[in-house]
C-alpha atoms as a PDB file:
ATOM      1  CA  UNK A   1      51.206 -34.030  26.707  1.00  0.00           C
ATOM      2  CA  UNK A   2      50.180 -33.882  22.842  1.00  0.00           C
ATOM      3  CA  UNK A   3      51.197 -30.190  21.306  1.00  0.00           C
ATOM      4  CA  UNK A   4      47.330 -29.918  20.389  1.00  0.00           C
ATOM      5  CA  UNK A   5      44.648 -28.597  22.912  1.00  0.00           C
ATOM      6  CA  UNK A   6      40.889 -30.073  22.463  1.00  0.00           C
ATOM      7  CA  UNK A   7      38.120 -27.274  23.508  1.00  0.00           C
ATOM      8  CA  UNK A   8      35.709 -29.298  25.365  1.00  0.00           C
ATOM      9  CA  UNK A   9      32.029 -27.741  25.590  1.00  0.00           C
ATOM     10  CA  UNK A  10      29.209 -28.619  27.059  1.00  0.00           C
ATOM     11  CA  UNK A  11      26.876 -30.247  24.988  1.00  0.00           C
ATOM     12  CA  UNK A  12      23.394 -28.610  24.079  1.00  0.00           C
ATOM     13  CA  UNK A  13      25.292 -25.219  23.494  1.00  0.00           C
ATOM     14  CA  UNK A  14      24.910 -23.310  19.959  1.00  0.00           C
ATOM     15  CA  UNK A  15      28.574 -23.748  19.372  1.00  0.00           C
ATOM     16  CA  UNK A  16      28.453 -27.490  20.454  1.00  0.00           C
ATOM     17  CA  UNK A  17      25.365 -28.368  18.344  1.00  0.00           C
ATOM     18  CA  UNK A  18      27.305 -26.639  15.158  1.00  0.00           C
ATOM     19  CA  UNK A  19      30.528 -28.634  15.777  1.00  0.00           C
ATOM     20  CA  UNK A  20      28.753 -31.902  16.187  1.00  0.00           C
ATOM     21  CA  UNK A  21      26.213 -31.672  13.308  1.00  0.00           C
ATOM     22  CA  UNK A  22      26.751 -35.179  10.974  1.00  0.00           C
ATOM     23  CA  UNK A  23      28.502 -35.531   7.814  1.00  0.00           C
ATOM     24  CA  UNK A  24      25.360 -35.878   5.739  1.00  0.00           C
ATOM     25  CA  UNK A  25      23.633 -32.828   7.010  1.00  0.00           C
ATOM     26  CA  UNK A  26      26.817 -30.662   6.261  1.00  0.00           C
ATOM     27  CA  UNK A  27      27.649 -32.289   2.626  1.00  0.00           C
ATOM     28  CA  UNK A  28      23.666 -30.887   1.421  1.00  0.00           C
ATOM     29  CA  UNK A  29      24.784 -27.613  -0.506  1.00  0.00           C
ATOM     30  CA  UNK A  30      22.446 -24.436  -1.261  1.00  0.00           C
ATOM     31  CA  UNK A  31      22.978 -25.842  -5.036  1.00  0.00           C
ATOM     32  CA  UNK A  32      21.560 -29.048  -4.234  1.00  0.00           C
ATOM     33  CA  UNK A  33      18.764 -27.304  -2.208  1.00  0.00           C
ATOM     34  CA  UNK A  34      17.741 -25.095  -5.121  1.00  0.00           C
ATOM     35  CA  UNK A  35      17.258 -28.631  -7.472  1.00  0.00           C
ATOM     36  CA  UNK A  36      15.413 -29.847  -5.043  1.00  0.00           C
ATOM     37  CA  UNK A  37      12.889 -26.980  -4.936  1.00  0.00           C
ATOM     38  CA  UNK A  38      12.863 -27.219  -8.939  1.00  0.00           C
ATOM     39  CA  UNK A  39      12.061 -31.123  -9.062  1.00  0.00           C
ATOM     40  CA  UNK A  40       9.054 -30.389  -6.389  1.00  0.00           C
ATOM     41  CA  UNK A  41       7.682 -27.206  -8.413  1.00  0.00           C
ATOM     42  CA  UNK A  42       7.930 -29.197 -11.771  1.00  0.00           C
ATOM     43  CA  UNK A  43       7.318 -32.676 -10.507  1.00  0.00           C
ATOM     44  CA  UNK A  44       9.786 -34.321 -12.570  1.00  0.00           C
ATOM     45  CA  UNK A  45      13.859 -34.568 -12.916  1.00  0.00           C
ATOM     46  CA  UNK A  46      13.422 -33.912 -16.587  1.00  0.00           C
ATOM     47  CA  UNK A  47      11.531 -30.244 -16.084  1.00  0.00           C
ATOM     48  CA  UNK A  48      13.587 -29.104 -13.805  1.00  0.00           C
ATOM     49  CA  UNK A  49      17.339 -29.851 -15.395  1.00  0.00           C
ATOM     50  CA  UNK A  50      15.174 -27.799 -18.449  1.00  0.00           C
ATOM     51  CA  UNK A  51      14.404 -25.201 -15.704  1.00  0.00           C
ATOM     52  CA  UNK A  52      18.029 -25.378 -14.028  1.00  0.00           C
ATOM     53  CA  UNK A  53      20.096 -25.126 -18.266  1.00  0.00           C
ATOM     54  CA  UNK A  54      21.254 -28.601 -16.945  1.00  0.00           C
ATOM     55  CA  UNK A  55      21.550 -31.728 -18.249  1.00  0.00           C
ATOM     56  CA  UNK A  56      18.760 -34.752 -16.325  1.00  0.00           C
ATOM     57  CA  UNK A  57      21.735 -37.051 -15.361  1.00  0.00           C
ATOM     58  CA  UNK A  58      23.140 -34.022 -13.654  1.00  0.00           C
ATOM     59  CA  UNK A  59      19.636 -33.021 -11.397  1.00  0.00           C
ATOM     60  CA  UNK A  60      19.278 -37.136 -11.243  1.00  0.00           C
ATOM     61  CA  UNK A  61      22.425 -37.280  -9.288  1.00  0.00           C
ATOM     62  CA  UNK A  62      21.734 -34.294  -6.430  1.00  0.00           C
ATOM     63  CA  UNK A  63      18.517 -35.904  -6.279  1.00  0.00           C
ATOM     64  CA  UNK A  64      20.390 -39.280  -5.651  1.00  0.00           C
ATOM     65  CA  UNK A  65      23.109 -37.751  -3.133  1.00  0.00           C
ATOM     66  CA  UNK A  66      20.000 -36.060  -1.116  1.00  0.00           C
ATOM     67  CA  UNK A  67      18.230 -39.356  -1.045  1.00  0.00           C
ATOM     68  CA  UNK A  68      20.970 -41.106   0.243  1.00  0.00           C
ATOM     69  CA  UNK A  69      21.929 -38.493   2.832  1.00  0.00           C
ATOM     70  CA  UNK A  70      18.557 -37.864   4.032  1.00  0.00           C
ATOM     71  CA  UNK A  71      17.425 -41.294   4.470  1.00  0.00           C
ATOM     72  CA  UNK A  72      20.481 -41.499   6.568  1.00  0.00           C
ATOM     73  CA  UNK A  73      19.164 -38.981   8.877  1.00  0.00           C
ATOM     74  CA  UNK A  74      15.801 -39.129   8.861  1.00  0.00           C
ATOM     75  CA  UNK A  75      15.198 -42.879   7.988  1.00  0.00           C
ATOM     76  CA  UNK A  76      13.314 -42.125   4.432  1.00  0.00           C
ATOM     77  CA  UNK A  77      14.009 -40.728   1.201  1.00  0.00           C
ATOM     78  CA  UNK A  78      12.903 -37.407   0.130  1.00  0.00           C
ATOM     79  CA  UNK A  79      11.723 -38.541  -3.765  1.00  0.00           C
ATOM     80  CA  UNK A  80      10.347 -41.963  -4.992  1.00  0.00           C
ATOM     81  CA  UNK A  81      10.524 -42.815  -8.687  1.00  0.00           C
ATOM     82  CA  UNK A  82       7.059 -43.648 -10.056  1.00  0.00           C
ATOM     83  CA  UNK A  83       8.535 -45.214 -13.541  1.00  0.00           C
ATOM     84  CA  UNK A  84       9.200 -43.750 -16.659  1.00  0.00           C
ATOM     85  CA  UNK A  85       6.875 -40.677 -17.899  1.00  0.00           C
ATOM     86  CA  UNK A  86       5.228 -39.997 -14.452  1.00  0.00           C
ATOM     87  CA  UNK A  87       5.792 -37.742 -11.990  1.00  0.00           C
ATOM     88  CA  UNK A  88       7.576 -37.922  -9.160  1.00  0.00           C
ATOM     89  CA  UNK A  89       6.942 -38.544  -5.490  1.00  0.00           C
ATOM     90  CA  UNK A  90       7.406 -36.332  -2.699  1.00  0.00           C
ATOM     91  CA  UNK A  91       7.519 -38.586   0.969  1.00  0.00           C
ATOM     92  CA  UNK A  92       6.483 -37.125   3.898  1.00  0.00           C
ATOM     93  CA  UNK A  93      10.132 -36.284   5.033  1.00  0.00           C
ATOM     94  CA  UNK A  94      10.545 -34.728   1.304  1.00  0.00           C
ATOM     95  CA  UNK A  95       7.448 -32.521   1.633  1.00  0.00           C
ATOM     96  CA  UNK A  96       9.146 -31.162   4.859  1.00  0.00           C
ATOM     97  CA  UNK A  97      12.759 -30.427   4.027  1.00  0.00           C
ATOM     98  CA  UNK A  98      10.798 -28.875   0.446  1.00  0.00           C
ATOM     99  CA  UNK A  99       9.811 -26.391   2.924  1.00  0.00           C
ATOM    100  CA  UNK A 100      12.630 -25.986   4.542  1.00  0.00           C
ATOM    101  CA  UNK A 101      14.570 -25.661   2.083  1.00  0.00           C
ATOM    102  CA  UNK A 102      12.450 -22.939   0.535  1.00  0.00           C
ATOM    103  CA  UNK A 103      12.547 -20.912   4.014  1.00  0.00           C
ATOM    104  CA  UNK A 104      16.751 -21.191   3.920  1.00  0.00           C
ATOM    105  CA  UNK A 105      17.093 -19.936   0.747  1.00  0.00           C
ATOM    106  CA  UNK A 106      14.449 -17.334   1.053  1.00  0.00           C
ATOM    107  CA  UNK A 107      16.312 -15.825   4.492  1.00  0.00           C
ATOM    108  CA  UNK A 108      19.769 -16.086   2.822  1.00  0.00           C
ATOM    109  CA  UNK A 109      18.723 -13.961  -0.228  1.00  0.00           C
ATOM    110  CA  UNK A 110      16.987 -11.462   1.829  1.00  0.00           C
ATOM    111  CA  UNK A 111      19.890 -11.132   4.230  1.00  0.00           C
ATOM    112  CA  UNK A 112      22.427 -10.741   1.480  1.00  0.00           C
ATOM    113  CA  UNK A 113      20.323  -8.218  -0.112  1.00  0.00           C
ATOM    114  CA  UNK A 114      19.838  -6.202   3.091  1.00  0.00           C
ATOM    115  CA  UNK A 115      23.484  -6.273   3.546  1.00  0.00           C
ATOM    116  CA  UNK A 116      23.954  -4.938  -0.024  1.00  0.00           C
ATOM    117  CA  UNK A 117      21.125  -2.484   0.597  1.00  0.00           C
ATOM    118  CA  UNK A 118      22.768  -1.609   4.260  1.00  0.00           C
ATOM    119  CA  UNK A 119      26.156  -0.489   1.899  1.00  0.00           C
ATOM    120  CA  UNK A 120      24.633   1.242  -0.942  1.00  0.00           C
ATOM    121  CA  UNK A 121      24.668  -1.634  -3.280  1.00  0.00           C
ATOM    122  CA  UNK A 122      21.541  -2.058  -4.008  1.00  0.00           C
ATOM    123  CA  UNK A 123      18.338   0.102  -4.299  1.00  0.00           C
ATOM    124  CA  UNK A 124      15.129  -1.170  -5.117  1.00  0.00           C
ATOM    125  CA  UNK A 125      12.141   0.950  -6.269  1.00  0.00           C
ATOM    126  CA  UNK A 126       8.267  -0.426  -6.093  1.00  0.00           C
ATOM    127  CA  UNK A 127       6.216   1.788  -8.912  1.00  0.00           C
ATOM    128  CA  UNK A 128       2.790   1.638 -10.401  1.00  0.00           C
ATOM    129  CA  UNK A 129       2.556   1.183 -14.115  1.00  0.00           C
ATOM    130  CA  UNK A 130       1.656   4.800 -14.090  1.00  0.00           C
ATOM    131  CA  UNK A 131       4.249   6.032 -12.437  1.00  0.00           C
ATOM    132  CA  UNK A 132       7.305   4.624 -14.368  1.00  0.00           C
ATOM    133  CA  UNK A 133       7.852   7.415 -16.508  1.00  0.00           C
ATOM    134  CA  UNK A 134       8.303   9.494 -12.795  1.00  0.00           C
ATOM    135  CA  UNK A 135      11.141   7.095 -12.412  1.00  0.00           C
ATOM    136  CA  UNK A 136      12.502   7.375 -15.299  1.00  0.00           C
ATOM    137  CA  UNK A 137      13.248  11.155 -15.335  1.00  0.00           C
ATOM    138  CA  UNK A 138      14.732  10.842 -11.900  1.00  0.00           C
ATOM    139  CA  UNK A 139      16.854   7.974 -12.642  1.00  0.00           C
ATOM    140  CA  UNK A 140      18.601  10.353 -15.359  1.00  0.00           C
ATOM    141  CA  UNK A 141      19.951  12.120 -12.851  1.00  0.00           C
ATOM    142  CA  UNK A 142      21.883   9.676 -11.352  1.00  0.00           C
ATOM    143  CA  UNK A 143      22.014   7.127 -13.939  1.00  0.00           C
ATOM    144  CA  UNK A 144      26.338   7.993 -14.776  1.00  0.00           C
ATOM    145  CA  UNK A 145      26.743   8.043 -10.774  1.00  0.00           C
ATOM    146  CA  UNK A 146      24.898   4.624 -10.295  1.00  0.00           C
ATOM    147  CA  UNK A 147      27.012   2.696 -13.132  1.00  0.00           C
ATOM    148  CA  UNK A 148      30.003   3.944 -11.798  1.00  0.00           C
ATOM    149  CA  UNK A 149      29.841   2.981  -8.205  1.00  0.00           C
ATOM    150  CA  UNK A 150      28.350  -0.023  -9.287  1.00  0.00           C
ATOM    151  CA  UNK A 151      24.937   0.207  -7.456  1.00  0.00           C
ATOM    152  CA  UNK A 152      22.227  -2.162  -8.911  1.00  0.00           C
ATOM    153  CA  UNK A 153      19.137  -0.145  -9.032  1.00  0.00           C
ATOM    154  CA  UNK A 154      15.960  -2.897  -8.986  1.00  0.00           C
ATOM    155  CA  UNK A 155      12.806  -1.834 -10.311  1.00  0.00           C
ATOM    156  CA  UNK A 156       9.512  -3.571  -8.708  1.00  0.00           C
ATOM    157  CA  UNK A 157       5.941  -3.674  -9.861  1.00  0.00           C
ATOM    158  CA  UNK A 158       3.847  -2.853  -6.802  1.00  0.00           C
ATOM    159  CA  UNK A 159       0.260  -2.307  -6.810  1.00  0.00           C
ATOM    160  CA  UNK A 160      -1.402   0.001  -4.134  1.00  0.00           C
ATOM    161  CA  UNK A 161      -2.762  -1.953  -1.877  1.00  0.00           C
ATOM    162  CA  UNK A 162       0.793  -3.353  -0.952  1.00  0.00           C
ATOM    163  CA  UNK A 163       2.546   0.045  -0.719  1.00  0.00           C
ATOM    164  CA  UNK A 164       2.604   0.293   2.744  1.00  0.00           C
ATOM    165  CA  UNK A 165       3.292  -3.240   3.166  1.00  0.00           C
ATOM    166  CA  UNK A 166       6.357  -3.398   1.206  1.00  0.00           C
ATOM    167  CA  UNK A 167       7.969  -0.369   2.593  1.00  0.00           C
ATOM    168  CA  UNK A 168       7.356  -1.569   6.426  1.00  0.00           C
ATOM    169  CA  UNK A 169       9.190  -5.213   5.243  1.00  0.00           C
ATOM    170  CA  UNK A 170      11.857  -3.732   3.754  1.00  0.00           C
ATOM    171  CA  UNK A 171      11.403  -5.340   0.361  1.00  0.00           C
ATOM    172  CA  UNK A 172      11.550  -2.131  -1.331  1.00  0.00           C
ATOM    173  CA  UNK A 173      13.463   1.329  -0.445  1.00  0.00           C
ATOM    174  CA  UNK A 174      10.959   3.785  -2.422  1.00  0.00           C
ATOM    175  CA  UNK A 175       7.835   3.889  -3.645  1.00  0.00           C
ATOM    176  CA  UNK A 176       5.998   5.541  -6.598  1.00  0.00           C
ATOM    177  CA  UNK A 177       2.581   5.412  -6.506  1.00  0.00           C
ATOM    178  CA  UNK A 178      -0.583   6.444  -5.274  1.00  0.00           C
ATOM    179  CA  UNK A 179      -2.561   6.787  -1.576  1.00  0.00           C
ATOM    180  CA  UNK A 180      -5.865   7.664  -0.084  1.00  0.00           C
ATOM    181  CA  UNK A 181      -5.794  10.486   2.380  1.00  0.00           C
ATOM    182  CA  UNK A 182      -8.406  13.161   3.883  1.00  0.00           C
ATOM    183  CA  UNK A 183      -8.360  15.852   1.426  1.00  0.00           C
ATOM    184  CA  UNK A 184      -7.162  19.290   2.136  1.00  0.00           C
ATOM    185  CA  UNK A 185      -4.540  17.996   5.202  1.00  0.00           C
ATOM    186  CA  UNK A 186      -0.624  17.956   4.747  1.00  0.00           C
ATOM    187  CA  UNK A 187       0.896  14.226   4.988  1.00  0.00           C
ATOM    188  CA  UNK A 188       0.546  13.072   8.150  1.00  0.00           C
ATOM    189  CA  UNK A 189       2.512   9.870   9.008  1.00  0.00           C
ATOM    190  CA  UNK A 190       5.400  10.915  10.459  1.00  0.00           C
ATOM    191  CA  UNK A 191       7.537   7.131   9.687  1.00  0.00           C
ATOM    192  CA  UNK A 192       7.504   7.919   5.710  1.00  0.00           C
ATOM    193  CA  UNK A 193       8.839  10.909   4.115  1.00  0.00           C
ATOM    194  CA  UNK A 194       6.642  11.855   0.941  1.00  0.00           C
ATOM    195  CA  UNK A 195       7.312  13.945  -2.159  1.00  0.00           C
ATOM    196  CA  UNK A 196       4.154  15.202  -3.018  1.00  0.00           C
ATOM    197  CA  UNK A 197       3.305  15.008  -7.158  1.00  0.00           C
ATOM    198  CA  UNK A 198       0.087  15.913  -7.471  1.00  0.00           C
ATOM    199  CA  UNK A 199      -3.833  15.295  -5.827  1.00  0.00           C
ATOM    200  CA  UNK A 200      -6.718  14.455  -7.794  1.00  0.00           C
ATOM    201  CA  UNK A 201     -10.173  12.884  -7.124  1.00  0.00           C
ATOM    202  CA  UNK A 202     -12.326  10.182  -9.122  1.00  0.00           C
ATOM    203  CA  UNK A 203     -14.517  10.067 -11.820  1.00  0.00           C
ATOM    204  CA  UNK A 204     -16.668   7.432 -13.726  1.00  0.00           C
ATOM    205  CA  UNK A 205     -16.755   5.594 -16.776  1.00  0.00           C
ATOM    206  CA  UNK A 206     -19.794   4.353 -18.065  1.00  0.00           C
ATOM    207  CA  UNK A 207     -22.089   2.727 -20.714  1.00  0.00           C
ATOM    208  CA  UNK A 208     -25.062   3.852 -19.450  1.00  0.00           C
ATOM    209  CA  UNK A 209     -27.045   7.057 -21.791  1.00  0.00           C
ATOM    210  CA  UNK A 210     -27.054  10.344 -20.917  1.00  0.00           C
ATOM    211  CA  UNK A 211     -30.660  10.049 -20.310  1.00  0.00           C
ATOM    212  CA  UNK A 212     -30.053   7.423 -17.427  1.00  0.00           C
ATOM    213  CA  UNK A 213     -27.045   8.980 -16.002  1.00  0.00           C
ATOM    214  CA  UNK A 214     -26.274  12.508 -16.187  1.00  0.00           C
ATOM    215  CA  UNK A 215     -22.521  13.977 -16.066  1.00  0.00           C
ATOM    216  CA  UNK A 216     -22.006  14.597 -12.536  1.00  0.00           C
ATOM    217  CA  UNK A 217     -22.451  12.375  -9.989  1.00  0.00           C
ATOM    218  CA  UNK A 218     -21.660  12.612  -6.296  1.00  0.00           C
ATOM    219  CA  UNK A 219     -20.791   9.713  -4.340  1.00  0.00           C
ATOM    220  CA  UNK A 220     -23.778   9.751  -1.825  1.00  0.00           C
ATOM    221  CA  UNK A 221     -25.638   8.308  -5.231  1.00  0.00           C
ATOM    222  CA  UNK A 222     -23.351   5.946  -5.734  1.00  0.00           C
ATOM    223  CA  UNK A 223     -25.185   3.184  -4.143  1.00  0.00           C
ATOM    224  CA  UNK A 224     -28.020   3.563  -6.707  1.00  0.00           C
ATOM    225  CA  UNK A 225     -25.778   2.665  -9.198  1.00  0.00           C
ATOM    226  CA  UNK A 226     -24.613  -0.605 -10.763  1.00  0.00           C
ATOM    227  CA  UNK A 227     -20.803  -0.389 -10.221  1.00  0.00           C
ATOM    228  CA  UNK A 228     -17.906  -2.245 -11.768  1.00  0.00           C
ATOM    229  CA  UNK A 229     -15.248  -1.980  -8.539  1.00  0.00           C
ATOM    230  CA  UNK A 230     -11.693  -3.971  -8.219  1.00  0.00           C
ATOM    231  CA  UNK A 231     -11.123  -6.362  -5.630  1.00  0.00           C
ATOM    232  CA  UNK A 232      -8.907  -4.281  -3.770  1.00  0.00           C
ATOM    233  CA  UNK A 233      -6.560  -1.424  -3.950  1.00  0.00           C
ATOM    234  CA  UNK A 234      -6.701   2.972  -4.221  1.00  0.00           C
ATOM    235  CA  UNK A 235     -10.765   2.443  -5.530  1.00  0.00           C
ATOM    236  CA  UNK A 236     -11.079  -0.320  -2.723  1.00  0.00           C
ATOM    237  CA  UNK A 237      -9.803   2.594  -0.080  1.00  0.00           C
ATOM    238  CA  UNK A 238     -12.182   4.926  -1.791  1.00  0.00           C
ATOM    239  CA  UNK A 239     -14.776   3.156  -0.910  1.00  0.00           C
ATOM    240  CA  UNK A 240     -13.841   1.737   2.534  1.00  0.00           C
ATOM    241  CA  UNK A 241     -13.516   5.230   3.223  1.00  0.00           C
ATOM    242  CA  UNK A 242     -16.746   6.460   2.210  1.00  0.00           C
ATOM    243  CA  UNK A 243     -19.360   3.571   3.066  1.00  0.00           C
ATOM    244  CA  UNK A 244     -17.250   1.213   5.628  1.00  0.00           C
ATOM    245  CA  UNK A 245     -15.545  -1.791   5.828  1.00  0.00           C
ATOM    246  CA  UNK A 246     -18.855  -3.783   4.853  1.00  0.00           C
ATOM    247  CA  UNK A 247     -19.217  -1.416   1.572  1.00  0.00           C
ATOM    248  CA  UNK A 248     -19.652  -4.277  -0.585  1.00  0.00           C
ATOM    249  CA  UNK A 249     -23.227  -5.141   1.317  1.00  0.00           C
ATOM    250  CA  UNK A 250     -24.005  -1.087   0.514  1.00  0.00           C
ATOM    251  CA  UNK A 251     -23.505  -1.084  -2.601  1.00  0.00           C
ATOM    252  CA  UNK A 252     -24.774  -2.860  -6.115  1.00  0.00           C
ATOM    253  CA  UNK A 253     -21.660  -4.225  -7.320  1.00  0.00           C
ATOM    254  CA  UNK A 254     -22.533  -5.740 -11.035  1.00  0.00           C
ATOM    255  CA  UNK A 255     -19.053  -7.309 -11.560  1.00  0.00           C
ATOM    256  CA  UNK A 256     -15.455  -7.363  -9.293  1.00  0.00           C
ATOM    257  CA  UNK A 257     -12.629  -6.649 -11.264  1.00  0.00           C
ATOM    258  CA  UNK A 258      -8.690  -7.477 -10.624  1.00  0.00           C
ATOM    259  CA  UNK A 259      -7.295  -4.749 -13.317  1.00  0.00           C
ATOM    260  CA  UNK A 260      -8.536  -1.978 -14.730  1.00  0.00           C
ATOM    261  CA  UNK A 261      -8.152  -2.591 -18.629  1.00  0.00           C
ATOM    262  CA  UNK A 262     -10.353  -5.878 -18.093  1.00  0.00           C
ATOM    263  CA  UNK A 263     -13.104  -3.392 -16.361  1.00  0.00           C
ATOM    264  CA  UNK A 264     -13.118  -1.072 -19.351  1.00  0.00           C
ATOM    265  CA  UNK A 265     -13.681  -4.354 -21.772  1.00  0.00           C
ATOM    266  CA  UNK A 266     -16.292  -5.606 -19.753  1.00  0.00           C
ATOM    267  CA  UNK A 267     -18.537  -2.166 -20.056  1.00  0.00           C
ATOM    268  CA  UNK A 268     -17.496  -1.574 -23.481  1.00  0.00           C
ATOM    269  CA  UNK A 269     -18.816  -4.806 -24.391  1.00  0.00           C
ATOM    270  CA  UNK A 270     -22.217  -4.486 -22.941  1.00  0.00           C
ATOM    271  CA  UNK A 271     -22.473  -7.557 -21.057  1.00  0.00           C
ATOM    272  CA  UNK A 272     -22.352  -5.044 -17.837  1.00  0.00           C
ATOM    273  CA  UNK A 273     -24.494  -2.117 -17.636  1.00  0.00           C
ATOM    274  CA  UNK A 274     -23.310   0.645 -15.492  1.00  0.00           C
ATOM    275  CA  UNK A 275     -19.961   2.335 -13.923  1.00  0.00           C
ATOM    276  CA  UNK A 276     -16.781   1.804 -13.329  1.00  0.00           C
ATOM    277  CA  UNK A 277     -14.802   4.035 -10.455  1.00  0.00           C
ATOM    278  CA  UNK A 278     -11.520   5.049 -12.286  1.00  0.00           C
ATOM    279  CA  UNK A 279      -8.417   8.037 -10.958  1.00  0.00           C
ATOM    280  CA  UNK A 280      -9.507  11.587 -12.860  1.00  0.00           C
ATOM    281  CA  UNK A 281      -6.498  11.422 -14.662  1.00  0.00           C
ATOM    282  CA  UNK A 282      -7.365   8.067 -16.183  1.00  0.00           C
ATOM    283  CA  UNK A 283     -10.694   9.789 -16.685  1.00  0.00           C
ATOM    284  CA  UNK A 284      -9.395  12.656 -18.601  1.00  0.00           C
ATOM    285  CA  UNK A 285      -7.263  10.677 -21.301  1.00  0.00           C
ATOM    286  CA  UNK A 286      -9.953   8.349 -21.507  1.00  0.00           C
ATOM    287  CA  UNK A 287     -12.373  11.404 -22.338  1.00  0.00           C
ATOM    288  CA  UNK A 288      -9.637  12.417 -24.897  1.00  0.00           C
ATOM    289  CA  UNK A 289      -9.917   9.214 -26.912  1.00  0.00           C
ATOM    290  CA  UNK A 290      -6.208   8.298 -25.949  1.00  0.00           C
ATOM    291  CA  UNK A 291      -7.578   5.069 -24.336  1.00  0.00           C
ATOM    292  CA  UNK A 292      -8.173   2.130 -26.826  1.00  0.00           C
ATOM    293  CA  UNK A 293     -10.176   0.118 -23.941  1.00  0.00           C
ATOM    294  CA  UNK A 294     -12.213   2.826 -22.986  1.00  0.00           C
ATOM    295  CA  UNK A 295     -13.782   3.742 -26.631  1.00  0.00           C
ATOM    296  CA  UNK A 296     -17.185   4.209 -26.802  1.00  0.00           C
ATOM    297  CA  UNK A 297     -16.970   4.657 -22.926  1.00  0.00           C
ATOM    298  CA  UNK A 298     -18.742   8.155 -21.439  1.00  0.00           C
ATOM    299  CA  UNK A 299     -16.519  10.048 -18.540  1.00  0.00           C
ATOM    300  CA  UNK A 300     -18.931  11.293 -15.486  1.00  0.00           C
ATOM    301  CA  UNK A 301     -17.364  13.562 -12.900  1.00  0.00           C
ATOM    302  CA  UNK A 302     -17.296  12.067  -9.336  1.00  0.00           C
ATOM    303  CA  UNK A 303     -18.276  15.014  -6.858  1.00  0.00           C
ATOM    304  CA  UNK A 304     -16.810  13.554  -3.233  1.00  0.00           C
ATOM    305  CA  UNK A 305     -19.558  14.916  -0.819  1.00  0.00           C
ATOM    306  CA  UNK A 306     -18.668  12.188   1.838  1.00  0.00           C
ATOM    307  CA  UNK A 307     -17.617  13.660   5.130  1.00  0.00           C
ATOM    308  CA  UNK A 308     -14.607  13.730   5.179  1.00  0.00           C
ATOM    309  CA  UNK A 309     -13.789  14.197   2.165  1.00  0.00           C
ATOM    310  CA  UNK A 310     -11.056  11.845   0.125  1.00  0.00           C
ATOM    311  CA  UNK A 311      -8.656  12.572  -2.388  1.00  0.00           C
ATOM    312  CA  UNK A 312      -5.632  10.756  -4.088  1.00  0.00           C
ATOM    313  CA  UNK A 313      -2.094  11.687  -3.202  1.00  0.00           C
ATOM    314  CA  UNK A 314       0.350  10.836  -6.172  1.00  0.00           C
ATOM    315  CA  UNK A 315       3.838  10.579  -4.658  1.00  0.00           C
ATOM    316  CA  UNK A 316       7.252   9.365  -3.949  1.00  0.00           C
ATOM    317  CA  UNK A 317       7.230   7.100  -0.561  1.00  0.00           C
ATOM    318  CA  UNK A 318       9.970   6.428   1.413  1.00  0.00           C
ATOM    319  CA  UNK A 319      11.059   5.307   5.274  1.00  0.00           C
ATOM    320  CA  UNK A 320      12.088   8.786   6.990  1.00  0.00           C
ATOM    321  CA  UNK A 321      14.544   6.752   9.451  1.00  0.00           C
ATOM    322  CA  UNK A 322      16.011   5.440   6.937  1.00  0.00           C
ATOM    323  CA  UNK A 323      16.918   8.225   5.544  1.00  0.00           C
ATOM    324  CA  UNK A 324      18.476   9.995   8.391  1.00  0.00           C
ATOM    325  CA  UNK A 325      20.886   6.929   9.033  1.00  0.00           C
ATOM    326  CA  UNK A 326      22.411   7.340   5.766  1.00  0.00           C
ATOM    327  CA  UNK A 327      24.686  10.127   4.203  1.00  0.00           C
ATOM    328  CA  UNK A 328      23.891  12.409   1.464  1.00  0.00           C
ATOM    329  CA  UNK A 329      25.794  10.758  -1.254  1.00  0.00           C
ATOM    330  CA  UNK A 330      24.191   7.064  -0.564  1.00  0.00           C
ATOM    331  CA  UNK A 331      22.502   6.106  -3.072  1.00  0.00           C
ATOM    332  CA  UNK A 332      19.048   6.068  -1.735  1.00  0.00           C
ATOM    333  CA  UNK A 333      19.584  10.054  -0.705  1.00  0.00           C
ATOM    334  CA  UNK A 334      20.697  10.795  -4.211  1.00  0.00           C
ATOM    335  CA  UNK A 335      17.807   9.221  -5.797  1.00  0.00           C
ATOM    336  CA  UNK A 336      15.468  11.016  -3.777  1.00  0.00           C
ATOM    337  CA  UNK A 337      16.948  13.823  -4.406  1.00  0.00           C
ATOM    338  CA  UNK A 338      16.792  13.079  -8.056  1.00  0.00           C
ATOM    339  CA  UNK A 339      12.864  12.656  -7.299  1.00  0.00           C
ATOM    340  CA  UNK A 340      12.713  16.046  -5.784  1.00  0.00           C
ATOM    341  CA  UNK A 341      14.380  17.827  -8.636  1.00  0.00           C
ATOM    342  CA  UNK A 342      11.766  16.561 -10.753  1.00  0.00           C
ATOM    343  CA  UNK A 343       8.602  16.922  -8.701  1.00  0.00           C
ATOM    344  CA  UNK A 344       6.285  19.452 -10.113  1.00  0.00           C
ATOM    345  CA  UNK A 345       6.276  23.164  -8.324  1.00  0.00           C
END
């Protein structure tokens, strides 16, 4: 008998399938998959090489290897050259493998990030533009400790409409931003913790003269006014809460915008006559002349007389279960404590 023993496995089992994977597949590296994606997005080996910081010959060599291996595996190459100066052509197999490569690399990167997050090596904070100063103040409390422990703090820009989704899908650990909540009610959702910074309402910025629009407007008057409104986000949530999901057919929408600065510039240009709903804090800044984009626009108080009344809650949010399962010295809880120390009394 031989001194070695061969393990016989039933065909079709997960381990058997892995052990019998073809060499052409096993020789494919993640670096090759990244190159394939770069070529797909840039449409040429030369442009992909520039994006990757490599020589074109290196990229072309990887493409040739992928073509050879997957022609053996699938029956056709992934990429076809179309002549000098022309974009490369991806075959149907190439298109399918690009999607598989994107998914594979994405899952690996997400998995590694999740492992680092669980160990406290990575912490991701999502913040709106107006809450960056809040994060900066909290960061000063933990900066030295995080650097000594080599904790990687990632800061990502987040929009109000994405706050809950980003938290629920665990793309971020903490969010600094604003949400819409019933006026006067304490924070309700049990699955999220919150540190309240402040609560407030909304205001209007307008280029309409005093004789057309006074210094105060009630929410019930909004359907009679030409409005500049965002397509999504905090203001859209207020409108949805006041007038229902079909609010666009209830209101006189003079223009729909993607960002506040564009809306202010639009009103200032007088191409559109009307009002733009903004946060009360932004209204104060504009009325003090501190906002260049709002120069020449008038601020009008917006009184919420709807039922139920709504208000804006500015704060810091995280998943309750995440905080509870980590010790007090975990980076998540340390940064949370830093936010609490900075919160207004």
